Every structure is written in structure tokens, then in C-alpha cells.
Amino acid sequence: MNKVHPFFLLLFIFIIHCYKDYYKILNVSRNADLKTIKSSYRTLAMKYHPDRNKDDSDAKEKFTDVSNGHLK
């Protein structure tokens, strides 16, 4: 029986843990057109921008999620 190398097991767990559904973050369907995706991105980026939410500690994380989910 083949054993899985611990490194690959940890890598797999890390990838699964870090996976984020950017369509869900941007609140658009998977078949949304580019215009809808860009519009949602701009709206959420403005809403969660750290400069606009200096008192909200979660705003930076949300802004980062939205920014990393930006589809070109």
C-alpha cells in the first residue's frame, strides 16, 4: 500500500483551507458577465476600503478578499 508523503498531505490541506469562492465574495453568479463582475467589485471595494472604514477592523480583510477576487 502506498503512503502519502506528509508534505503533500499538508499542501492539500493548506490549499483547501485557503480556497475562497470569489464569485460568492463579489455576490455575483458564476455566469455573470464582465460588466456585472466589475460593477460588483467597484461597489464592494469602495464599501470596504480601509480609508473609509478606519474604525472597522474587519474592513481591511474584506477589502483584501474583494481585491484578490477581482477578475480581469
Protein backbone atom coordinates (compact mmCIF):
# COMPACT_ATOMS: atom_id res chain seq x y z
CA MET A 1 0.00 0.00 0.00
CA ASN A 2 1.34 3.42 -0.98
CA LYS A 3 1.72 6.05 1.69
CA VAL A 4 1.12 9.72 1.07
CA HIS A 5 4.09 11.88 1.85
CA PRO A 6 3.23 14.23 4.76
CA PHE A 7 4.30 17.28 2.74
CA PHE A 8 1.69 16.60 0.06
CA LEU A 9 -0.97 16.00 2.67
CA LEU A 10 -0.18 19.33 4.35
CA LEU A 11 -0.10 21.08 0.98
CA PHE A 12 -3.52 19.69 0.11
CA ILE A 13 -4.97 20.80 3.46
CA PHE A 14 -3.45 24.26 3.01
CA ILE A 15 -4.94 24.64 -0.49
CA ILE A 16 -8.39 23.56 0.67
CA HIS A 17 -8.21 25.90 3.66
CA CYS A 18 -7.18 28.89 1.52
CA TYR A 19 -9.73 28.32 -1.25
CA LYS A 20 -12.25 31.14 -1.48
CA ASP A 21 -15.19 31.39 -3.80
CA TYR A 22 -14.66 34.82 -5.34
CA TYR A 23 -17.99 34.76 -7.11
CA LYS A 24 -19.60 34.45 -3.70
CA ILE A 25 -17.41 37.22 -2.27
CA LEU A 26 -18.39 39.52 -5.14
CA ASN A 27 -22.01 38.39 -4.79
CA VAL A 28 -22.43 37.50 -8.48
CA SER A 29 -23.47 34.33 -10.25
CA ARG A 30 -20.91 32.10 -11.94
CA ASN A 31 -22.28 33.02 -15.35
CA ALA A 32 -22.23 36.78 -14.70
CA ASP A 33 -20.89 38.94 -17.50
CA LEU A 34 -17.73 41.01 -17.10
CA LYS A 35 -19.66 44.27 -16.68
CA THR A 36 -21.58 42.86 -13.69
CA ILE A 37 -18.42 41.49 -12.08
CA LYS A 38 -16.59 44.80 -12.46
CA SER A 39 -19.54 46.75 -11.10
CA SER A 40 -19.81 44.49 -8.05
CA TYR A 41 -16.06 44.74 -7.47
CA ARG A 42 -16.08 48.54 -7.60
CA THR A 43 -19.07 48.78 -5.25
CA LEU A 44 -17.59 46.42 -2.66
CA ALA A 45 -14.09 47.92 -2.94
CA MET A 46 -15.49 51.35 -2.14
CA LYS A 47 -17.66 49.96 0.66
CA TYR A 48 -14.80 48.11 2.41
CA HIS A 49 -11.86 50.40 1.62
CA PRO A 50 -9.74 50.80 4.80
CA ASP A 51 -9.54 54.58 4.37
CA ARG A 52 -13.34 54.79 4.53
CA ASN A 53 -13.60 52.35 7.46
CA LYS A 54 -10.87 53.33 9.87
CA ASP A 55 -12.82 52.07 12.89
CA ASP A 56 -13.80 48.72 11.36
CA SER A 57 -11.13 46.08 11.96
CA ASP A 58 -12.81 43.63 9.53
CA ALA A 59 -12.86 46.13 6.66
CA LYS A 60 -9.23 45.54 5.71
CA GLU A 61 -9.74 41.76 5.47
CA LYS A 62 -12.94 42.18 3.47
CA PHE A 63 -11.24 44.70 1.16
CA THR A 64 -8.36 42.26 0.62
CA ASP A 65 -10.81 39.45 -0.19
CA VAL A 66 -12.63 41.64 -2.68
CA SER A 67 -9.38 42.87 -4.23
CA ASN A 68 -7.93 39.37 -4.59
CA GLY A 69 -11.19 38.22 -6.13
CA HIS A 70 -11.10 40.90 -8.79
CA LEU A 71 -11.35 39.23 -12.16
CA LYS A 72 -9.78 40.98 -15.14
